[in-house]
Amino acid sequence: MTDKNSFTPDEWATLGQAPALTALAVTVAGSSGLFGTLAEAMGMTGALIEGAKSDNPLIRALCQKEELAAAQKGLREKIQALKPGDLAAAQAEMRTTALDSVRKAMQILAAKGTPADVAAYRTFITDIGKRVANAAKEGGFLGFGGERVSEGERGMLASIEAALGAARV
């Protein structure tokens, strides 16, 4: 069975932070405004709750309260490292950071996890991205019009899918 002890602390941190980085990258890829951003945060929360109930022990372990707190701390450090004032640069950096994290997580799992772990993690990350993207409409006015998933979010989801496919077992 693959568990936390199967990984170095840095590897475990990568596995734990990739879901939150994925959610954040999808969030900044769209332009949902305050209420949309809050809805997208709830989309991530729902995915983490589902992860805590996963059939896969590795996903369940990553979604434990203390593991989520550690991932959140690491994410906060990454966000604080972003350059303030230049939104486009921050979005691009967040995108790159998230995709690099997902690729690295998949490489780690391909080397140390089981095929079931790889498949479960791939599904978990994909679900987080889709839930966040579908949580709020983009481009509408007072809830009218707009689209459920923006072009930027679709592009980010496609990039995440490509990163997840980088390491096949």
C-alpha atoms as a PDB file:
ATOM      1  CA  MET A   1       0.000   0.000   0.000  1.00  0.00           C
ATOM      2  CA  THR A   2       1.294   3.453  -0.902  1.00  0.00           C
ATOM      3  CA  ASP A   3       1.072   5.903   1.984  1.00  0.00           C
ATOM      4  CA  LYS A   4       2.802   9.017   3.317  1.00  0.00           C
ATOM      5  CA  ASN A   5       5.780   6.941   4.452  1.00  0.00           C
ATOM      6  CA  SER A   6       6.420   5.950   0.835  1.00  0.00           C
ATOM      7  CA  PHE A   7       7.457   9.523  -0.006  1.00  0.00           C
ATOM      8  CA  THR A   8      10.034  12.056   1.111  1.00  0.00           C
ATOM      9  CA  PRO A   9       8.641  15.154   2.879  1.00  0.00           C
ATOM     10  CA  ASP A  10       9.205  17.216  -0.292  1.00  0.00           C
ATOM     11  CA  GLU A  11       7.445  14.638  -2.462  1.00  0.00           C
ATOM     12  CA  TRP A  12       4.507  14.490  -0.059  1.00  0.00           C
ATOM     13  CA  ALA A  13       4.308  18.300  -0.052  1.00  0.00           C
ATOM     14  CA  THR A  14       4.205  18.290  -3.857  1.00  0.00           C
ATOM     15  CA  LEU A  15       1.388  15.727  -3.869  1.00  0.00           C
ATOM     16  CA  GLY A  16      -0.527  17.789  -1.301  1.00  0.00           C
ATOM     17  CA  GLN A  17      -0.035  21.205  -2.908  1.00  0.00           C
ATOM     18  CA  ALA A  18      -0.832  20.274  -6.518  1.00  0.00           C
ATOM     19  CA  PRO A  19      -4.627  20.108  -5.900  1.00  0.00           C
ATOM     20  CA  ALA A  20      -4.747  23.598  -4.357  1.00  0.00           C
ATOM     21  CA  LEU A  21      -2.446  25.016  -7.034  1.00  0.00           C
ATOM     22  CA  THR A  22      -4.709  23.485  -9.669  1.00  0.00           C
ATOM     23  CA  ALA A  23      -7.761  25.148  -8.151  1.00  0.00           C
ATOM     24  CA  LEU A  24      -6.011  28.493  -7.875  1.00  0.00           C
ATOM     25  CA  ALA A  25      -4.723  28.352 -11.455  1.00  0.00           C
ATOM     26  CA  VAL A  26      -8.216  27.620 -12.791  1.00  0.00           C
ATOM     27  CA  THR A  27      -9.651  30.413 -10.641  1.00  0.00           C
ATOM     28  CA  VAL A  28      -7.207  33.036 -11.927  1.00  0.00           C
ATOM     29  CA  ALA A  29      -7.667  31.814 -15.518  1.00  0.00           C
ATOM     30  CA  GLY A  30     -11.240  33.119 -15.411  1.00  0.00           C
ATOM     31  CA  SER A  31     -12.701  36.436 -14.394  1.00  0.00           C
ATOM     32  CA  SER A  32     -15.495  35.548 -12.033  1.00  0.00           C
ATOM     33  CA  GLY A  33     -15.429  38.580  -9.774  1.00  0.00           C
ATOM     34  CA  LEU A  34     -15.778  38.389  -6.006  1.00  0.00           C
ATOM     35  CA  PHE A  35     -18.885  36.179  -5.810  1.00  0.00           C
ATOM     36  CA  GLY A  36     -17.688  33.905  -8.573  1.00  0.00           C
ATOM     37  CA  THR A  37     -14.330  33.502  -6.890  1.00  0.00           C
ATOM     38  CA  LEU A  38     -16.078  32.551  -3.655  1.00  0.00           C
ATOM     39  CA  ALA A  39     -18.182  30.003  -5.545  1.00  0.00           C
ATOM     40  CA  GLU A  40     -15.031  28.595  -7.122  1.00  0.00           C
ATOM     41  CA  ALA A  41     -13.432  28.245  -3.687  1.00  0.00           C
ATOM     42  CA  MET A  42     -16.502  26.265  -2.625  1.00  0.00           C
ATOM     43  CA  GLY A  43     -16.015  24.056  -5.703  1.00  0.00           C
ATOM     44  CA  MET A  44     -12.559  23.161  -4.463  1.00  0.00           C
ATOM     45  CA  THR A  45     -13.890  22.511  -0.967  1.00  0.00           C
ATOM     46  CA  GLY A  46     -16.474  20.108  -2.385  1.00  0.00           C
ATOM     47  CA  ALA A  47     -13.777  18.227  -4.284  1.00  0.00           C
ATOM     48  CA  LEU A  48     -11.656  17.927  -1.136  1.00  0.00           C
ATOM     49  CA  ILE A  49     -14.634  16.599   0.813  1.00  0.00           C
ATOM     50  CA  GLU A  50     -15.152  13.984  -1.898  1.00  0.00           C
ATOM     51  CA  GLY A  51     -11.437  13.198  -1.761  1.00  0.00           C
ATOM     52  CA  ALA A  52     -11.693  12.529   1.965  1.00  0.00           C
ATOM     53  CA  LYS A  53     -14.282   9.851   1.106  1.00  0.00           C
ATOM     54  CA  SER A  54     -12.266   8.369  -1.771  1.00  0.00           C
ATOM     55  CA  ASP A  55     -11.863   4.628  -2.205  1.00  0.00           C
ATOM     56  CA  ASN A  56      -8.145   5.288  -2.660  1.00  0.00           C
ATOM     57  CA  PRO A  57      -6.183   5.445   0.635  1.00  0.00           C
ATOM     58  CA  LEU A  58      -3.609   7.860  -0.813  1.00  0.00           C
ATOM     59  CA  ILE A  59      -6.277  10.413  -1.800  1.00  0.00           C
ATOM     60  CA  ARG A  60      -7.959  10.038   1.596  1.00  0.00           C
ATOM     61  CA  ALA A  61      -4.608  10.640   3.326  1.00  0.00           C
ATOM     62  CA  LEU A  62      -3.947  13.773   1.253  1.00  0.00           C
ATOM     63  CA  CYS A  63      -7.382  15.134   2.231  1.00  0.00           C
ATOM     64  CA  GLN A  64      -6.936  14.771   5.991  1.00  0.00           C
ATOM     65  CA  LYS A  65      -7.275  18.012   7.925  1.00  0.00           C
ATOM     66  CA  GLU A  66      -3.618  18.254   8.943  1.00  0.00           C
ATOM     67  CA  GLU A  67      -2.425  17.504   5.405  1.00  0.00           C
ATOM     68  CA  LEU A  68      -4.710  20.170   3.957  1.00  0.00           C
ATOM     69  CA  ALA A  69      -3.400  22.677   6.512  1.00  0.00           C
ATOM     70  CA  ALA A  70       0.195  21.882   5.521  1.00  0.00           C
ATOM     71  CA  ALA A  71      -0.659  22.221   1.826  1.00  0.00           C
ATOM     72  CA  GLN A  72      -2.394  25.519   2.507  1.00  0.00           C
ATOM     73  CA  LYS A  73       0.702  26.830   4.282  1.00  0.00           C
ATOM     74  CA  GLY A  74       2.886  25.876   1.316  1.00  0.00           C
ATOM     75  CA  LEU A  75       0.420  27.483  -1.076  1.00  0.00           C
ATOM     76  CA  ARG A  76       0.417  30.696   0.962  1.00  0.00           C
ATOM     77  CA  GLU A  77       4.211  30.835   0.668  1.00  0.00           C
ATOM     78  CA  LYS A  78       4.010  30.409  -3.111  1.00  0.00           C
ATOM     79  CA  ILE A  79       1.383  33.163  -3.403  1.00  0.00           C
ATOM     80  CA  GLN A  80       3.424  35.553  -1.264  1.00  0.00           C
ATOM     81  CA  ALA A  81       6.369  35.011  -3.613  1.00  0.00           C
ATOM     82  CA  LEU A  82       4.337  36.370  -6.561  1.00  0.00           C
ATOM     83  CA  LYS A  83       5.137  39.882  -7.698  1.00  0.00           C
ATOM     84  CA  PRO A  84       2.380  42.276  -6.600  1.00  0.00           C
ATOM     85  CA  GLY A  85       0.924  44.788  -9.003  1.00  0.00           C
ATOM     86  CA  ASP A  86       1.259  42.903 -12.274  1.00  0.00           C
ATOM     87  CA  LEU A  87      -1.850  40.735 -12.543  1.00  0.00           C
ATOM     88  CA  ALA A  88      -0.978  39.224 -15.925  1.00  0.00           C
ATOM     89  CA  ALA A  89       2.492  38.213 -14.744  1.00  0.00           C
ATOM     90  CA  ALA A  90       1.063  36.766 -11.518  1.00  0.00           C
ATOM     91  CA  GLN A  91      -1.522  34.767 -13.490  1.00  0.00           C
ATOM     92  CA  ALA A  92       1.167  33.413 -15.821  1.00  0.00           C
ATOM     93  CA  GLU A  93       3.422  32.519 -12.910  1.00  0.00           C
ATOM     94  CA  MET A  94       0.552  30.786 -11.083  1.00  0.00           C
ATOM     95  CA  ARG A  95      -0.274  28.823 -14.232  1.00  0.00           C
ATOM     96  CA  THR A  96       3.352  27.726 -14.636  1.00  0.00           C
ATOM     97  CA  THR A  97       3.702  26.865 -10.942  1.00  0.00           C
ATOM     98  CA  ALA A  98       0.505  24.785 -10.967  1.00  0.00           C
ATOM     99  CA  LEU A  99       1.385  22.880 -14.124  1.00  0.00           C
ATOM    100  CA  ASP A 100       4.924  22.206 -12.921  1.00  0.00           C
ATOM    101  CA  SER A 101       3.516  20.937  -9.615  1.00  0.00           C
ATOM    102  CA  VAL A 102       1.033  18.631 -11.348  1.00  0.00           C
ATOM    103  CA  ARG A 103       3.733  17.233 -13.657  1.00  0.00           C
ATOM    104  CA  LYS A 104       6.090  16.669 -10.724  1.00  0.00           C
ATOM    105  CA  ALA A 105       3.328  15.004  -8.672  1.00  0.00           C
ATOM    106  CA  MET A 106       2.565  12.635 -11.538  1.00  0.00           C
ATOM    107  CA  GLN A 107       6.249  11.782 -11.947  1.00  0.00           C
ATOM    108  CA  ILE A 108       6.502  11.048  -8.226  1.00  0.00           C
ATOM    109  CA  LEU A 109       3.432   8.807  -8.338  1.00  0.00           C
ATOM    110  CA  ALA A 110       4.616   7.051 -11.492  1.00  0.00           C
ATOM    111  CA  ALA A 111       7.867   6.194  -9.688  1.00  0.00           C
ATOM    112  CA  LYS A 112       6.532   5.337  -6.226  1.00  0.00           C
ATOM    113  CA  GLY A 113       2.782   4.839  -6.417  1.00  0.00           C
ATOM    114  CA  THR A 114       0.617   2.048  -7.697  1.00  0.00           C
ATOM    115  CA  PRO A 115      -1.272   2.290 -10.983  1.00  0.00           C
ATOM    116  CA  ALA A 116      -4.439   2.710  -8.872  1.00  0.00           C
ATOM    117  CA  ASP A 117      -2.843   5.675  -7.064  1.00  0.00           C
ATOM    118  CA  VAL A 118      -1.865   7.299 -10.353  1.00  0.00           C
ATOM    119  CA  ALA A 119      -5.372   6.873 -11.762  1.00  0.00           C
ATOM    120  CA  ALA A 120      -7.060   8.100  -8.571  1.00  0.00           C
ATOM    121  CA  TYR A 121      -4.795  11.158  -8.330  1.00  0.00           C
ATOM    122  CA  ARG A 122      -5.337  11.987 -12.007  1.00  0.00           C
ATOM    123  CA  THR A 123      -9.122  11.815 -11.457  1.00  0.00           C
ATOM    124  CA  PHE A 124      -8.857  13.843  -8.239  1.00  0.00           C
ATOM    125  CA  ILE A 125      -6.912  16.689  -9.889  1.00  0.00           C
ATOM    126  CA  THR A 126      -9.192  16.674 -12.944  1.00  0.00           C
ATOM    127  CA  ASP A 127     -12.273  16.804 -10.720  1.00  0.00           C
ATOM    128  CA  ILE A 128     -10.911  19.760  -8.760  1.00  0.00           C
ATOM    129  CA  GLY A 129     -10.221  21.700 -11.946  1.00  0.00           C
ATOM    130  CA  LYS A 130     -13.645  20.968 -13.419  1.00  0.00           C
ATOM    131  CA  ARG A 131     -15.504  21.767 -10.194  1.00  0.00           C
ATOM    132  CA  VAL A 132     -13.747  25.110  -9.867  1.00  0.00           C
ATOM    133  CA  ALA A 133     -14.322  26.008 -13.517  1.00  0.00           C
ATOM    134  CA  ASN A 134     -18.013  25.110 -13.351  1.00  0.00           C
ATOM    135  CA  ALA A 135     -18.684  26.827 -10.023  1.00  0.00           C
ATOM    136  CA  ALA A 136     -19.447  30.284 -11.425  1.00  0.00           C
ATOM    137  CA  LYS A 137     -20.449  31.929 -14.684  1.00  0.00           C
ATOM    138  CA  GLU A 138     -17.944  34.156 -16.423  1.00  0.00           C
ATOM    139  CA  GLY A 139     -18.712  37.389 -18.245  1.00  0.00           C
ATOM    140  CA  GLY A 140     -22.348  37.875 -17.230  1.00  0.00           C
ATOM    141  CA  PHE A 141     -24.023  40.815 -15.557  1.00  0.00           C
ATOM    142  CA  LEU A 142     -25.878  40.288 -12.264  1.00  0.00           C
ATOM    143  CA  GLY A 143     -26.168  36.587 -12.972  1.00  0.00           C
ATOM    144  CA  PHE A 144     -27.507  36.992 -16.512  1.00  0.00           C
ATOM    145  CA  GLY A 145     -25.666  35.861 -19.587  1.00  0.00           C
ATOM    146  CA  GLY A 146     -22.090  34.739 -19.535  1.00  0.00           C
ATOM    147  CA  GLU A 147     -20.780  31.230 -19.843  1.00  0.00           C
ATOM    148  CA  ARG A 148     -20.249  28.501 -17.290  1.00  0.00           C
ATOM    149  CA  VAL A 149     -16.600  27.860 -18.232  1.00  0.00           C
ATOM    150  CA  SER A 150     -14.607  30.695 -19.769  1.00  0.00           C
ATOM    151  CA  GLU A 151     -12.115  30.349 -22.589  1.00  0.00           C
ATOM    152  CA  GLY A 152      -9.270  30.933 -20.121  1.00  0.00           C
ATOM    153  CA  GLU A 153     -10.577  28.194 -17.829  1.00  0.00           C
ATOM    154  CA  ARG A 154     -10.994  25.788 -20.755  1.00  0.00           C
ATOM    155  CA  GLY A 155      -7.398  26.460 -21.745  1.00  0.00           C
ATOM    156  CA  MET A 156      -6.183  25.888 -18.198  1.00  0.00           C
ATOM    157  CA  LEU A 157      -8.170  22.648 -17.912  1.00  0.00           C
ATOM    158  CA  ALA A 158      -6.638  21.418 -21.182  1.00  0.00           C
ATOM    159  CA  SER A 159      -3.148  22.255 -19.895  1.00  0.00           C
ATOM    160  CA  ILE A 160      -3.855  20.402 -16.647  1.00  0.00           C
ATOM    161  CA  GLU A 161      -5.053  17.367 -18.617  1.00  0.00           C
ATOM    162  CA  ALA A 162      -1.820  17.455 -20.633  1.00  0.00           C
ATOM    163  CA  ALA A 163       0.269  17.724 -17.450  1.00  0.00           C
ATOM    164  CA  LEU A 164      -1.627  14.821 -15.893  1.00  0.00           C
ATOM    165  CA  GLY A 165      -0.953  12.720 -18.978  1.00  0.00           C
ATOM    166  CA  ALA A 166       2.767  13.459 -18.888  1.00  0.00           C
ATOM    167  CA  ALA A 167       3.444  10.411 -16.722  1.00  0.00           C
ATOM    168  CA  ARG A 168       1.546   7.307 -17.802  1.00  0.00           C
ATOM    169  CA  VAL A 169       1.876   4.080 -15.879  1.00  0.00           C
END
